[in-house]
Amino acid sequence: CDAMDEALVAVCAARPLAEDDLKAWRRYLRS
């Protein structure tokens, strides 16, 4: 569960540059 939290922080810290990645990042964080 700690590893899951670490992975969530890493997703939040991602800085998507490509438009497709940005859309996927936003959609994933909402989901």
PDB file of all heavy atoms in Angstrom:
ATOM      1  N   CYS A   1       0.834  -1.207   0.000  1.00  0.00           N
ATOM      2  CA  CYS A   1       0.000   0.000   0.000  1.00  0.00           C
ATOM      3  C   CYS A   1       0.870   1.258   0.000  1.00  0.00           C
ATOM      4  O   CYS A   1       0.515   2.252  -0.635  1.00  0.00           O
ATOM      5  CB  CYS A   1      -0.965  -0.025   1.173  1.00  0.00           C
ATOM      6  SG  CYS A   1      -2.204  -1.332   1.010  1.00  0.00           S
ATOM      7  N   ASP A   2       2.007   1.208   0.685  1.00  0.00           N
ATOM      8  CA  ASP A   2       2.954   2.325   0.630  1.00  0.00           C
ATOM      9  C   ASP A   2       3.478   2.511  -0.795  1.00  0.00           C
ATOM     10  O   ASP A   2       3.615   3.641  -1.268  1.00  0.00           O
ATOM     11  CB  ASP A   2       4.124   2.102   1.592  1.00  0.00           C
ATOM     12  CG  ASP A   2       3.720   2.234   3.050  1.00  0.00           C
ATOM     13  OD1 ASP A   2       2.632   2.778   3.336  1.00  0.00           O
ATOM     14  OD2 ASP A   2       4.510   1.784   3.912  1.00  0.00           O
ATOM     15  N   ALA A   3       3.745   1.398  -1.477  1.00  0.00           N
ATOM     16  CA  ALA A   3       4.214   1.478  -2.869  1.00  0.00           C
ATOM     17  C   ALA A   3       3.144   2.087  -3.765  1.00  0.00           C
ATOM     18  O   ALA A   3       3.449   2.859  -4.680  1.00  0.00           O
ATOM     19  CB  ALA A   3       4.609   0.088  -3.369  1.00  0.00           C
ATOM     20  N   MET A   4       1.884   1.775  -3.488  1.00  0.00           N
ATOM     21  CA  MET A   4       0.787   2.363  -4.252  1.00  0.00           C
ATOM     22  C   MET A   4       0.735   3.881  -4.037  1.00  0.00           C
ATOM     23  O   MET A   4       0.560   4.646  -4.983  1.00  0.00           O
ATOM     24  CB  MET A   4      -0.543   1.729  -3.842  1.00  0.00           C
ATOM     25  CG  MET A   4      -1.745   2.294  -4.567  1.00  0.00           C
ATOM     26  SD  MET A   4      -3.315   1.595  -4.005  1.00  0.00           S
ATOM     27  CE  MET A   4      -3.344   2.128  -2.301  1.00  0.00           C
ATOM     28  N   ASP A   5       0.920   4.321  -2.790  1.00  0.00           N
ATOM     29  CA  ASP A   5       0.936   5.758  -2.497  1.00  0.00           C
ATOM     30  C   ASP A   5       2.091   6.447  -3.215  1.00  0.00           C
ATOM     31  O   ASP A   5       1.931   7.536  -3.777  1.00  0.00           O
ATOM     32  CB  ASP A   5       1.030   6.001  -0.995  1.00  0.00           C
ATOM     33  CG  ASP A   5      -0.228   5.603  -0.242  1.00  0.00           C
ATOM     34  OD1 ASP A   5      -1.275   5.371  -0.885  1.00  0.00           O
ATOM     35  OD2 ASP A   5      -0.155   5.512   0.998  1.00  0.00           O
ATOM     36  N   GLU A   6       3.266   5.812  -3.191  1.00  0.00           N
ATOM     37  CA  GLU A   6       4.436   6.372  -3.888  1.00  0.00           C
ATOM     38  C   GLU A   6       4.151   6.514  -5.382  1.00  0.00           C
ATOM     39  O   GLU A   6       4.510   7.517  -6.006  1.00  0.00           O
ATOM     40  CB  GLU A   6       5.664   5.493  -3.674  1.00  0.00           C
ATOM     41  CG  GLU A   6       6.179   5.470  -2.263  1.00  0.00           C
ATOM     42  CD  GLU A   6       6.645   6.838  -1.773  1.00  0.00           C
ATOM     43  OE1 GLU A   6       7.263   7.585  -2.552  1.00  0.00           O
ATOM     44  OE2 GLU A   6       6.360   7.156  -0.608  1.00  0.00           O
ATOM     45  N   ALA A   7       3.516   5.505  -5.944  1.00  0.00           N
ATOM     46  CA  ALA A   7       3.194   5.540  -7.369  1.00  0.00           C
ATOM     47  C   ALA A   7       2.174   6.640  -7.678  1.00  0.00           C
ATOM     48  O   ALA A   7       2.262   7.295  -8.721  1.00  0.00           O
ATOM     49  CB  ALA A   7       2.675   4.174  -7.821  1.00  0.00           C
ATOM     50  N   LEU A   8       1.231   6.865  -6.768  1.00  0.00           N
ATOM     51  CA  LEU A   8       0.260   7.950  -6.961  1.00  0.00           C
ATOM     52  C   LEU A   8       0.966   9.306  -6.962  1.00  0.00           C
ATOM     53  O   LEU A   8       0.684  10.156  -7.809  1.00  0.00           O
ATOM     54  CB  LEU A   8      -0.814   7.916  -5.877  1.00  0.00           C
ATOM     55  CG  LEU A   8      -1.847   9.051  -5.941  1.00  0.00           C
ATOM     56  CD1 LEU A   8      -2.623   9.013  -7.264  1.00  0.00           C
ATOM     57  CD2 LEU A   8      -2.786   8.977  -4.760  1.00  0.00           C
ATOM     58  N   VAL A   9       1.887   9.498  -6.042  1.00  0.00           N
ATOM     59  CA  VAL A   9       2.648  10.750  -6.005  1.00  0.00           C
ATOM     60  C   VAL A   9       3.428  10.928  -7.308  1.00  0.00           C
ATOM     61  O   VAL A   9       3.472  12.031  -7.871  1.00  0.00           O
ATOM     62  CB  VAL A   9       3.581  10.801  -4.770  1.00  0.00           C
ATOM     63  CG1 VAL A   9       4.508  12.006  -4.834  1.00  0.00           C
ATOM     64  CG2 VAL A   9       2.754  10.832  -3.482  1.00  0.00           C
ATOM     65  N   ALA A  10       4.001   9.857  -7.816  1.00  0.00           N
ATOM     66  CA  ALA A  10       4.752   9.932  -9.078  1.00  0.00           C
ATOM     67  C   ALA A  10       3.838  10.304 -10.239  1.00  0.00           C
ATOM     68  O   ALA A  10       4.222  11.100 -11.107  1.00  0.00           O
ATOM     69  CB  ALA A  10       5.461   8.610  -9.350  1.00  0.00           C
ATOM     70  N   VAL A  11       2.626   9.775 -10.268  1.00  0.00           N
ATOM     71  CA  VAL A  11       1.668  10.150 -11.317  1.00  0.00           C
ATOM     72  C   VAL A  11       1.343  11.637 -11.202  1.00  0.00           C
ATOM     73  O   VAL A  11       1.328  12.362 -12.197  1.00  0.00           O
ATOM     74  CB  VAL A  11       0.372   9.307 -11.251  1.00  0.00           C
ATOM     75  CG1 VAL A  11      -0.694   9.880 -12.184  1.00  0.00           C
ATOM     76  CG2 VAL A  11       0.648   7.858 -11.597  1.00  0.00           C
ATOM     77  N   CYS A  12       1.102  12.089  -9.986  1.00  0.00           N
ATOM     78  CA  CYS A  12       0.770  13.502  -9.777  1.00  0.00           C
ATOM     79  C   CYS A  12       1.917  14.418 -10.190  1.00  0.00           C
ATOM     80  O   CYS A  12       1.691  15.529 -10.662  1.00  0.00           O
ATOM     81  CB  CYS A  12       0.394  13.747  -8.316  1.00  0.00           C
ATOM     82  SG  CYS A  12      -1.172  12.979  -7.852  1.00  0.00           S
ATOM     83  N   ALA A  13       3.140  13.947 -10.009  1.00  0.00           N
ATOM     84  CA  ALA A  13       4.315  14.763 -10.337  1.00  0.00           C
ATOM     85  C   ALA A  13       4.654  14.737 -11.822  1.00  0.00           C
ATOM     86  O   ALA A  13       5.450  15.555 -12.285  1.00  0.00           O
ATOM     87  CB  ALA A  13       5.523  14.277  -9.531  1.00  0.00           C
ATOM     88  N   ALA A  14       4.057  13.831 -12.558  1.00  0.00           N
ATOM     89  CA  ALA A  14       4.349  13.743 -13.993  1.00  0.00           C
ATOM     90  C   ALA A  14       4.001  15.068 -14.667  1.00  0.00           C
ATOM     91  O   ALA A  14       3.015  15.707 -14.333  1.00  0.00           O
ATOM     92  CB  ALA A  14       3.553  12.598 -14.621  1.00  0.00           C
ATOM     93  N   ARG A  15       4.818  15.454 -15.568  1.00  0.00           N
ATOM     94  CA  ARG A  15       4.585  16.695 -16.300  1.00  0.00           C
ATOM     95  C   ARG A  15       4.425  16.355 -17.782  1.00  0.00           C
ATOM     96  O   ARG A  15       5.367  16.430 -18.554  1.00  0.00           O
ATOM     97  CB  ARG A  15       5.751  17.667 -16.109  1.00  0.00           C
ATOM     98  CG  ARG A  15       5.856  18.213 -14.713  1.00  0.00           C
ATOM     99  CD  ARG A  15       4.686  19.143 -14.473  1.00  0.00           C
ATOM    100  NE  ARG A  15       4.720  19.681 -13.133  1.00  0.00           N
ATOM    101  CZ  ARG A  15       3.740  19.540 -12.277  1.00  0.00           C
ATOM    102  NH1 ARG A  15       2.679  18.854 -12.598  1.00  0.00           N
ATOM    103  NH2 ARG A  15       3.802  20.075 -11.089  1.00  0.00           N
ATOM    104  N   PRO A  16       3.200  15.944 -18.163  1.00  0.00           N
ATOM    105  CA  PRO A  16       2.986  15.535 -19.550  1.00  0.00           C
ATOM    106  C   PRO A  16       3.237  16.695 -20.503  1.00  0.00           C
ATOM    107  O   PRO A  16       2.761  17.802 -20.281  1.00  0.00           O
ATOM    108  CB  PRO A  16       1.528  15.110 -19.592  1.00  0.00           C
ATOM    109  CG  PRO A  16       1.031  15.123 -18.193  1.00  0.00           C
ATOM    110  CD  PRO A  16       1.998  15.871 -17.366  1.00  0.00           C
ATOM    111  N   LEU A  17       3.988  16.421 -21.553  1.00  0.00           N
ATOM    112  CA  LEU A  17       4.272  17.439 -22.557  1.00  0.00           C
ATOM    113  C   LEU A  17       3.391  17.263 -23.786  1.00  0.00           C
ATOM    114  O   LEU A  17       2.902  18.242 -24.341  1.00  0.00           O
ATOM    115  CB  LEU A  17       5.747  17.393 -22.951  1.00  0.00           C
ATOM    116  CG  LEU A  17       6.737  17.640 -21.814  1.00  0.00           C
ATOM    117  CD1 LEU A  17       8.167  17.466 -22.308  1.00  0.00           C
ATOM    118  CD2 LEU A  17       6.532  19.024 -21.219  1.00  0.00           C
ATOM    119  N   ALA A  18       3.183  16.032 -24.182  1.00  0.00           N
ATOM    120  CA  ALA A  18       2.358  15.764 -25.357  1.00  0.00           C
ATOM    121  C   ALA A  18       0.880  15.899 -24.991  1.00  0.00           C
ATOM    122  O   ALA A  18       0.471  15.543 -23.892  1.00  0.00           O
ATOM    123  CB  ALA A  18       2.650  14.365 -25.889  1.00  0.00           C
ATOM    124  N   GLU A  19       0.107  16.390 -25.915  1.00  0.00           N
ATOM    125  CA  GLU A  19      -1.326  16.602 -25.681  1.00  0.00           C
ATOM    126  C   GLU A  19      -2.036  15.302 -25.313  1.00  0.00           C
ATOM    127  O   GLU A  19      -2.873  15.280 -24.411  1.00  0.00           O
ATOM    128  CB  GLU A  19      -1.982  17.230 -26.924  1.00  0.00           C
ATOM    129  CG  GLU A  19      -3.427  17.601 -26.737  1.00  0.00           C
ATOM    130  CD  GLU A  19      -3.657  18.706 -25.713  1.00  0.00           C
ATOM    131  OE1 GLU A  19      -2.763  19.535 -25.491  1.00  0.00           O
ATOM    132  OE2 GLU A  19      -4.760  18.729 -25.129  1.00  0.00           O
ATOM    133  N   ASP A  20      -1.712  14.201 -25.992  1.00  0.00           N
ATOM    134  CA  ASP A  20      -2.337  12.910 -25.676  1.00  0.00           C
ATOM    135  C   ASP A  20      -2.022  12.478 -24.253  1.00  0.00           C
ATOM    136  O   ASP A  20      -2.882  11.962 -23.545  1.00  0.00           O
ATOM    137  CB  ASP A  20      -1.883  11.828 -26.654  1.00  0.00           C
ATOM    138  CG  ASP A  20      -2.492  12.004 -28.038  1.00  0.00           C
ATOM    139  OD1 ASP A  20      -3.452  12.795 -28.181  1.00  0.00           O
ATOM    140  OD2 ASP A  20      -2.012  11.344 -28.974  1.00  0.00           O
ATOM    141  N   ASP A  21      -0.768  12.683 -23.831  1.00  0.00           N
ATOM    142  CA  ASP A  21      -0.375  12.331 -22.465  1.00  0.00           C
ATOM    143  C   ASP A  21      -1.102  13.206 -21.448  1.00  0.00           C
ATOM    144  O   ASP A  21      -1.532  12.730 -20.399  1.00  0.00           O
ATOM    145  CB  ASP A  21       1.136  12.473 -22.267  1.00  0.00           C
ATOM    146  CG  ASP A  21       1.916  11.319 -22.836  1.00  0.00           C
ATOM    147  OD1 ASP A  21       1.302  10.317 -23.262  1.00  0.00           O
ATOM    148  OD2 ASP A  21       3.159  11.407 -22.854  1.00  0.00           O
ATOM    149  N   LEU A  22      -1.221  14.490 -21.756  1.00  0.00           N
ATOM    150  CA  LEU A  22      -1.907  15.409 -20.851  1.00  0.00           C
ATOM    151  C   LEU A  22      -3.364  14.995 -20.669  1.00  0.00           C
ATOM    152  O   LEU A  22      -3.875  14.961 -19.544  1.00  0.00           O
ATOM    153  CB  LEU A  22      -1.810  16.842 -21.366  1.00  0.00           C
ATOM    154  CG  LEU A  22      -2.463  17.921 -20.507  1.00  0.00           C
ATOM    155  CD1 LEU A  22      -1.842  17.956 -19.117  1.00  0.00           C
ATOM    156  CD2 LEU A  22      -2.335  19.275 -21.185  1.00  0.00           C
ATOM    157  N   LYS A  23      -4.022  14.650 -21.770  1.00  0.00           N
ATOM    158  CA  LYS A  23      -5.414  14.198 -21.690  1.00  0.00           C
ATOM    159  C   LYS A  23      -5.524  12.909 -20.873  1.00  0.00           C
ATOM    160  O   LYS A  23      -6.409  12.779 -20.023  1.00  0.00           O
ATOM    161  CB  LYS A  23      -5.981  13.978 -23.084  1.00  0.00           C
ATOM    162  CG  LYS A  23      -6.260  15.261 -23.839  1.00  0.00           C
ATOM    163  CD  LYS A  23      -6.781  14.958 -25.232  1.00  0.00           C
ATOM    164  CE  LYS A  23      -6.987  16.231 -26.024  1.00  0.00           C
ATOM    165  NZ  LYS A  23      -7.425  15.952 -27.402  1.00  0.00           N
ATOM    166  N   ALA A  24      -4.627  11.967 -21.117  1.00  0.00           N
ATOM    167  CA  ALA A  24      -4.647  10.694 -20.381  1.00  0.00           C
ATOM    168  C   ALA A  24      -4.357  10.929 -18.900  1.00  0.00           C
ATOM    169  O   ALA A  24      -4.999  10.327 -18.029  1.00  0.00           O
ATOM    170  CB  ALA A  24      -3.634   9.721 -20.977  1.00  0.00           C
ATOM    171  N   TRP A  25      -3.401  11.798 -18.593  1.00  0.00           N
ATOM    172  CA  TRP A  25      -3.020  12.112 -17.211  1.00  0.00           C
ATOM    173  C   TRP A  25      -4.216  12.685 -16.451  1.00  0.00           C
ATOM    174  O   TRP A  25      -4.533  12.240 -15.358  1.00  0.00           O
ATOM    175  CB  TRP A  25      -1.849  13.094 -17.246  1.00  0.00           C
ATOM    176  CG  TRP A  25      -1.290  13.537 -15.944  1.00  0.00           C
ATOM    177  CD1 TRP A  25      -0.535  12.796 -15.073  1.00  0.00           C
ATOM    178  CD2 TRP A  25      -1.389  14.844 -15.368  1.00  0.00           C
ATOM    179  NE1 TRP A  25      -0.157  13.560 -14.003  1.00  0.00           N
ATOM    180  CE2 TRP A  25      -0.671  14.820 -14.161  1.00  0.00           C
ATOM    181  CE3 TRP A  25      -2.009  16.019 -15.767  1.00  0.00           C
ATOM    182  CZ2 TRP A  25      -0.559  15.944 -13.341  1.00  0.00           C
ATOM    183  CZ3 TRP A  25      -1.894  17.135 -14.964  1.00  0.00           C
ATOM    184  CH2 TRP A  25      -1.177  17.094 -13.763  1.00  0.00           C
ATOM    185  N   ARG A  26      -4.874  13.664 -17.063  1.00  0.00           N
ATOM    186  CA  ARG A  26      -6.044  14.270 -16.422  1.00  0.00           C
ATOM    187  C   ARG A  26      -7.164  13.249 -16.231  1.00  0.00           C
ATOM    188  O   ARG A  26      -7.789  13.177 -15.173  1.00  0.00           O
ATOM    189  CB  ARG A  26      -6.547  15.446 -17.258  1.00  0.00           C
ATOM    190  CG  ARG A  26      -5.649  16.651 -17.192  1.00  0.00           C
ATOM    191  CD  ARG A  26      -6.147  17.737 -18.115  1.00  0.00           C
ATOM    192  NE  ARG A  26      -5.331  18.937 -17.991  1.00  0.00           N
ATOM    193  CZ  ARG A  26      -5.251  19.868 -18.920  1.00  0.00           C
ATOM    194  NH1 ARG A  26      -5.957  19.750 -20.044  1.00  0.00           N
ATOM    195  NH2 ARG A  26      -4.486  20.919 -18.746  1.00  0.00           N
ATOM    196  N   ARG A  27      -7.407  12.467 -17.261  1.00  0.00           N
ATOM    197  CA  ARG A  27      -8.461  11.446 -17.181  1.00  0.00           C
ATOM    198  C   ARG A  27      -8.135  10.411 -16.108  1.00  0.00           C
ATOM    199  O   ARG A  27      -9.009  10.011 -15.334  1.00  0.00           O
ATOM    200  CB  ARG A  27      -8.629  10.781 -18.557  1.00  0.00           C
ATOM    201  CG  ARG A  27      -9.854   9.913 -18.680  1.00  0.00           C
ATOM    202  CD  ARG A  27     -10.097   9.413 -20.101  1.00  0.00           C
ATOM    203  NE  ARG A  27      -9.042   8.511 -20.540  1.00  0.00           N
ATOM    204  CZ  ARG A  27      -8.186   8.764 -21.539  1.00  0.00           C
ATOM    205  NH1 ARG A  27      -8.246   9.875 -22.230  1.00  0.00           N
ATOM    206  NH2 ARG A  27      -7.263   7.890 -21.862  1.00  0.00           N
ATOM    207  N   TYR A  28      -6.881  10.005 -16.010  1.00  0.00           N
ATOM    208  CA  TYR A  28      -6.499   9.006 -15.011  1.00  0.00           C
ATOM    209  C   TYR A  28      -6.649   9.567 -13.601  1.00  0.00           C
ATOM    210  O   TYR A  28      -7.204   8.897 -12.722  1.00  0.00           O
ATOM    211  CB  TYR A  28      -5.062   8.517 -15.238  1.00  0.00           C
ATOM    212  CG  TYR A  28      -4.714   7.390 -14.307  1.00  0.00           C
ATOM    213  CD1 TYR A  28      -5.242   6.119 -14.513  1.00  0.00           C
ATOM    214  CD2 TYR A  28      -3.906   7.596 -13.205  1.00  0.00           C
ATOM    215  CE1 TYR A  28      -4.967   5.083 -13.642  1.00  0.00           C
ATOM    216  CE2 TYR A  28      -3.625   6.559 -12.331  1.00  0.00           C
ATOM    217  CZ  TYR A  28      -4.155   5.303 -12.558  1.00  0.00           C
ATOM    218  OH  TYR A  28      -3.888   4.283 -11.686  1.00  0.00           O
ATOM    219  N   LEU A  29      -6.176  10.788 -13.375  1.00  0.00           N
ATOM    220  CA  LEU A  29      -6.289  11.378 -12.041  1.00  0.00           C
ATOM    221  C   LEU A  29      -7.747  11.528 -11.622  1.00  0.00           C
ATOM    222  O   LEU A  29      -8.085  11.322 -10.451  1.00  0.00           O
ATOM    223  CB  LEU A  29      -5.554  12.714 -11.967  1.00  0.00           C
ATOM    224  CG  LEU A  29      -4.030  12.607 -12.009  1.00  0.00           C
ATOM    225  CD1 LEU A  29      -3.406  13.997 -12.025  1.00  0.00           C
ATOM    226  CD2 LEU A  29      -3.500  11.789 -10.842  1.00  0.00           C
ATOM    227  N   ARG A  30      -8.614  11.862 -12.562  1.00  0.00           N
ATOM    228  CA  ARG A  30     -10.040  11.921 -12.236  1.00  0.00           C
ATOM    229  C   ARG A  30     -10.589  10.528 -11.927  1.00  0.00           C
ATOM    230  O   ARG A  30     -11.375  10.347 -11.003  1.00  0.00           O
ATOM    231  CB  ARG A  30     -10.840  12.556 -13.375  1.00  0.00           C
ATOM    232  CG  ARG A  30     -10.765  14.065 -13.407  1.00  0.00           C
ATOM    233  CD  ARG A  30     -11.778  14.661 -14.377  1.00  0.00           C
ATOM    234  NE  ARG A  30     -11.570  14.247 -15.751  1.00  0.00           N
ATOM    235  CZ  ARG A  30     -10.809  14.901 -16.622  1.00  0.00           C
ATOM    236  NH1 ARG A  30     -10.189  16.005 -16.270  1.00  0.00           N
ATOM    237  NH2 ARG A  30     -10.673  14.451 -17.858  1.00  0.00           N
ATOM    238  N   SER A  31     -10.149   9.538 -12.675  1.00  0.00           N
ATOM    239  CA  SER A  31     -10.696   8.187 -12.506  1.00  0.00           C
ATOM    240  C   SER A  31     -10.284   7.536 -11.188  1.00  0.00           C
ATOM    241  O   SER A  31     -11.038   6.726 -10.650  1.00  0.00           O
ATOM    242  CB  SER A  31     -10.289   7.285 -13.676  1.00  0.00           C
ATOM    243  OG  SER A  31      -8.937   6.890 -13.571  1.00  0.00           O
TER     244      SER A  31
END
